N, C-alpha and C. Protein backbone atom coordinates (compact mmCIF):
# COMPACT_ATOMS: atom_id res chain seq x y z
N MET A 1 0.84 -1.17 0.00
CA MET A 1 0.00 0.00 0.00
C MET A 1 0.89 1.23 0.00
N ASP A 2 0.55 2.19 -0.85
CA ASP A 2 1.29 3.43 -0.92
C ASP A 2 0.46 4.57 -0.36
N VAL A 3 1.12 5.46 0.36
CA VAL A 3 0.48 6.68 0.84
C VAL A 3 0.91 7.78 -0.11
N VAL A 4 -0.05 8.50 -0.67
CA VAL A 4 0.25 9.50 -1.69
C VAL A 4 -0.22 10.87 -1.20
N SER A 5 0.62 11.88 -1.40
CA SER A 5 0.28 13.25 -1.02
C SER A 5 -0.18 14.01 -2.26
N SER A 6 -1.25 14.76 -2.13
CA SER A 6 -1.71 15.59 -3.25
C SER A 6 -1.16 17.01 -3.13
N GLY A 7 -0.33 17.24 -2.10
CA GLY A 7 0.25 18.57 -1.88
C GLY A 7 1.76 18.53 -1.94
N ASP A 8 2.39 19.48 -1.26
CA ASP A 8 3.85 19.61 -1.29
C ASP A 8 4.57 18.76 -0.25
N LEU A 9 3.85 18.17 0.70
CA LEU A 9 4.49 17.41 1.77
C LEU A 9 4.85 16.00 1.29
N LEU A 10 5.94 15.49 1.81
CA LEU A 10 6.40 14.15 1.46
C LEU A 10 5.70 13.12 2.34
N THR A 11 5.37 11.98 1.75
CA THR A 11 4.68 10.92 2.48
C THR A 11 5.33 9.57 2.20
N SER A 12 5.13 8.67 3.13
CA SER A 12 5.58 7.30 2.97
C SER A 12 4.83 6.45 3.99
N SER A 13 5.12 5.16 4.01
CA SER A 13 4.48 4.28 4.99
C SER A 13 5.35 3.07 5.24
N ILE A 14 5.06 2.39 6.34
CA ILE A 14 5.75 1.14 6.66
C ILE A 14 4.71 0.17 7.22
N LEU A 15 4.73 -1.04 6.69
CA LEU A 15 3.86 -2.10 7.16
C LEU A 15 4.67 -2.95 8.13
N TRP A 16 4.14 -3.18 9.34
CA TRP A 16 4.87 -3.94 10.33
C TRP A 16 3.92 -4.82 11.11
N GLN A 17 4.50 -5.79 11.82
CA GLN A 17 3.71 -6.77 12.54
C GLN A 17 3.91 -6.60 14.04
N PRO A 18 2.90 -6.03 14.75
CA PRO A 18 3.04 -5.83 16.18
C PRO A 18 3.00 -7.13 16.97
N GLN A 19 2.32 -8.14 16.44
CA GLN A 19 2.27 -9.45 17.07
C GLN A 19 1.82 -10.45 16.02
N ALA A 20 2.00 -11.72 16.30
CA ALA A 20 1.62 -12.77 15.36
C ALA A 20 0.15 -12.63 14.98
N GLY A 21 -0.13 -12.67 13.69
CA GLY A 21 -1.51 -12.61 13.22
C GLY A 21 -2.08 -11.20 13.10
N ALA A 22 -1.31 -10.19 13.42
CA ALA A 22 -1.80 -8.81 13.34
C ALA A 22 -0.81 -7.97 12.54
N TRP A 23 -1.34 -7.03 11.77
CA TRP A 23 -0.51 -6.13 10.98
C TRP A 23 -0.93 -4.69 11.24
N ALA A 24 0.02 -3.79 11.11
CA ALA A 24 -0.25 -2.36 11.30
C ALA A 24 0.44 -1.59 10.18
N LEU A 25 -0.16 -0.52 9.76
CA LEU A 25 0.43 0.37 8.76
C LEU A 25 0.65 1.72 9.43
N THR A 26 1.89 2.18 9.43
CA THR A 26 2.21 3.50 9.96
C THR A 26 2.42 4.43 8.78
N ALA A 27 1.66 5.52 8.73
CA ALA A 27 1.79 6.52 7.68
C ALA A 27 2.64 7.68 8.19
N VAL A 28 3.50 8.19 7.33
CA VAL A 28 4.38 9.30 7.68
C VAL A 28 4.14 10.45 6.70
N CYS A 29 3.97 11.63 7.25
CA CYS A 29 3.87 12.85 6.46
C CYS A 29 4.90 13.81 7.04
N LYS A 30 5.87 14.21 6.24
CA LYS A 30 6.98 15.00 6.76
C LYS A 30 6.99 16.40 6.15
N ALA A 31 7.15 17.39 7.02
CA ALA A 31 7.24 18.78 6.57
C ALA A 31 8.50 19.41 7.15
N THR A 32 9.21 20.17 6.34
CA THR A 32 10.38 20.91 6.78
C THR A 32 10.02 22.38 6.76
N SER A 33 10.21 23.05 7.89
CA SER A 33 9.87 24.47 8.00
C SER A 33 11.11 25.33 8.00
N GLN A 34 10.93 26.54 7.56
CA GLN A 34 11.98 27.55 7.64
C GLN A 34 11.72 28.30 8.94
N LEU A 35 12.56 28.07 9.95
CA LEU A 35 12.32 28.68 11.26
C LEU A 35 12.52 30.19 11.22
N ALA A 36 11.52 30.89 11.72
CA ALA A 36 11.55 32.35 11.75
C ALA A 36 10.67 32.81 12.91
N PRO A 37 10.89 34.03 13.41
CA PRO A 37 10.02 34.55 14.46
C PRO A 37 8.58 34.68 13.97
N VAL A 38 7.65 34.46 14.83
CA VAL A 38 6.21 34.61 14.61
C VAL A 38 5.63 33.51 13.72
N GLU A 39 6.14 33.33 12.53
CA GLU A 39 5.59 32.36 11.60
C GLU A 39 6.72 31.60 10.92
N SER A 40 6.57 30.28 10.78
CA SER A 40 7.59 29.45 10.15
C SER A 40 6.99 28.74 8.94
N PRO A 41 7.14 29.31 7.75
CA PRO A 41 6.55 28.71 6.55
C PRO A 41 7.30 27.44 6.13
N LEU A 42 6.68 26.68 5.23
CA LEU A 42 7.35 25.51 4.67
C LEU A 42 8.62 25.96 3.96
N ALA A 43 9.68 25.20 4.11
CA ALA A 43 10.94 25.50 3.44
C ALA A 43 10.81 25.20 1.94
N ALA A 44 11.55 25.95 1.13
CA ALA A 44 11.53 25.73 -0.31
C ALA A 44 12.04 24.32 -0.64
N ARG A 45 13.04 23.86 0.10
CA ARG A 45 13.59 22.51 -0.09
C ARG A 45 13.13 21.65 1.08
N GLN A 46 12.35 20.64 0.82
CA GLN A 46 11.86 19.74 1.85
C GLN A 46 12.89 18.64 2.12
N GLU A 47 13.16 18.38 3.39
CA GLU A 47 14.07 17.29 3.79
C GLU A 47 13.42 15.97 3.39
N PRO A 48 14.16 15.05 2.75
CA PRO A 48 13.55 13.79 2.33
C PRO A 48 13.18 12.90 3.51
N ILE A 49 12.29 11.96 3.26
CA ILE A 49 11.95 10.95 4.26
C ILE A 49 13.07 9.92 4.24
N HIS A 50 13.67 9.69 5.40
CA HIS A 50 14.78 8.74 5.51
C HIS A 50 14.21 7.36 5.84
N GLU A 51 14.37 6.41 4.91
CA GLU A 51 13.82 5.07 5.11
C GLU A 51 14.68 4.24 6.06
N ASP A 52 15.94 4.56 6.16
CA ASP A 52 16.87 3.85 7.05
C ASP A 52 17.70 4.86 7.82
N ASP A 53 18.32 4.41 8.92
CA ASP A 53 19.26 5.27 9.63
C ASP A 53 20.43 5.57 8.70
N GLU A 54 20.88 6.82 8.71
CA GLU A 54 22.03 7.21 7.90
C GLU A 54 23.15 7.66 8.82
N HIS A 55 24.26 6.96 8.76
CA HIS A 55 25.43 7.24 9.60
C HIS A 55 26.42 8.10 8.83
N TRP A 56 27.21 8.87 9.56
CA TRP A 56 28.26 9.67 8.93
C TRP A 56 29.22 8.75 8.19
N ASN A 57 29.59 9.13 6.98
CA ASN A 57 30.51 8.38 6.12
C ASN A 57 30.04 6.95 5.86
N ASP A 58 28.73 6.70 5.95
CA ASP A 58 28.16 5.35 5.74
C ASP A 58 28.83 4.30 6.62
N ASP A 59 29.22 4.70 7.82
CA ASP A 59 29.90 3.82 8.76
C ASP A 59 29.01 3.63 9.99
N ALA A 60 28.46 2.41 10.17
CA ALA A 60 27.53 2.13 11.28
C ALA A 60 28.17 2.32 12.65
N ALA A 61 29.49 2.38 12.73
CA ALA A 61 30.17 2.60 14.00
C ALA A 61 30.16 4.08 14.38
N ARG A 62 29.82 4.95 13.42
CA ARG A 62 29.79 6.38 13.68
C ARG A 62 28.39 6.84 14.07
N SER A 63 28.28 8.06 14.52
CA SER A 63 26.98 8.60 14.96
C SER A 63 26.03 8.79 13.78
N LEU A 64 24.75 8.94 14.13
CA LEU A 64 23.73 9.13 13.10
C LEU A 64 23.80 10.54 12.51
N ARG A 65 23.66 10.61 11.21
CA ARG A 65 23.50 11.88 10.51
C ARG A 65 22.01 12.17 10.40
N ALA A 66 21.22 11.09 10.18
CA ALA A 66 19.76 11.22 10.10
C ALA A 66 19.14 9.90 10.53
N ALA A 67 18.18 9.96 11.42
CA ALA A 67 17.49 8.75 11.88
C ALA A 67 16.36 8.40 10.92
N SER A 68 16.03 7.13 10.85
CA SER A 68 14.94 6.68 10.00
C SER A 68 13.62 7.33 10.43
N ASP A 69 12.85 7.78 9.45
CA ASP A 69 11.52 8.33 9.74
C ASP A 69 10.46 7.24 9.74
N LEU A 70 10.83 6.02 9.34
CA LEU A 70 9.86 4.94 9.18
C LEU A 70 9.96 3.86 10.25
N ALA A 71 10.58 4.16 11.35
CA ALA A 71 10.73 3.15 12.40
C ALA A 71 9.39 2.88 13.08
N PRO A 72 9.02 1.59 13.21
CA PRO A 72 7.79 1.29 13.98
C PRO A 72 8.03 1.57 15.46
N PRO A 73 6.98 1.60 16.27
CA PRO A 73 7.15 1.85 17.70
C PRO A 73 8.10 0.83 18.35
N PRO A 74 8.76 1.20 19.44
CA PRO A 74 9.64 0.26 20.13
C PRO A 74 8.86 -0.98 20.58
N ARG A 75 9.56 -2.08 20.72
CA ARG A 75 8.93 -3.36 21.06
C ARG A 75 8.05 -3.26 22.32
N ALA A 76 8.50 -2.52 23.32
CA ALA A 76 7.72 -2.39 24.56
C ALA A 76 6.36 -1.75 24.30
N ALA A 77 6.30 -0.84 23.35
CA ALA A 77 5.04 -0.17 23.04
C ALA A 77 4.10 -1.06 22.23
N ARG A 78 4.64 -2.14 21.64
CA ARG A 78 3.84 -3.02 20.80
C ARG A 78 3.23 -4.18 21.57
N SER A 79 3.71 -4.45 22.76
CA SER A 79 3.19 -5.59 23.50
C SER A 79 1.84 -5.23 24.12
N PRO A 80 0.96 -6.23 24.29
CA PRO A 80 -0.35 -5.93 24.86
C PRO A 80 -0.24 -5.44 26.30
N ALA A 81 -1.16 -4.59 26.68
CA ALA A 81 -1.18 -4.06 28.04
C ALA A 81 -1.51 -5.18 29.02
N PRO A 82 -0.90 -5.20 30.20
CA PRO A 82 -1.23 -6.24 31.18
C PRO A 82 -2.67 -6.14 31.65
N ARG A 83 -3.27 -7.26 31.88
CA ARG A 83 -4.66 -7.28 32.36
C ARG A 83 -4.68 -6.96 33.85
N SER A 84 -5.62 -6.14 34.24
CA SER A 84 -5.74 -5.81 35.66
C SER A 84 -6.54 -6.88 36.37
N ARG A 85 -6.22 -7.07 37.62
CA ARG A 85 -6.95 -8.07 38.45
C ARG A 85 -7.97 -7.35 39.29
N CYS A 86 -9.18 -7.86 39.33
CA CYS A 86 -10.23 -7.24 40.13
C CYS A 86 -10.44 -8.01 41.41
């Protein structure tokens, strides 16, 4: 499934499995603003959606230059909530 934007904003999506037998689709819409006092309009050049983590000099041992925008929630957030006892 593709997420399509009819405007200037960039879009993408990631299909992931929170648990066996269940699927989730996370949609991403990314906007880059030109920071200014009072009002911050959209920047003329929009930062791309990063599908993967990008490290400096393409070296995974180095720090991130840009983090993935398509990461699903952390594993702890995907597990079912504990049932309360009454």
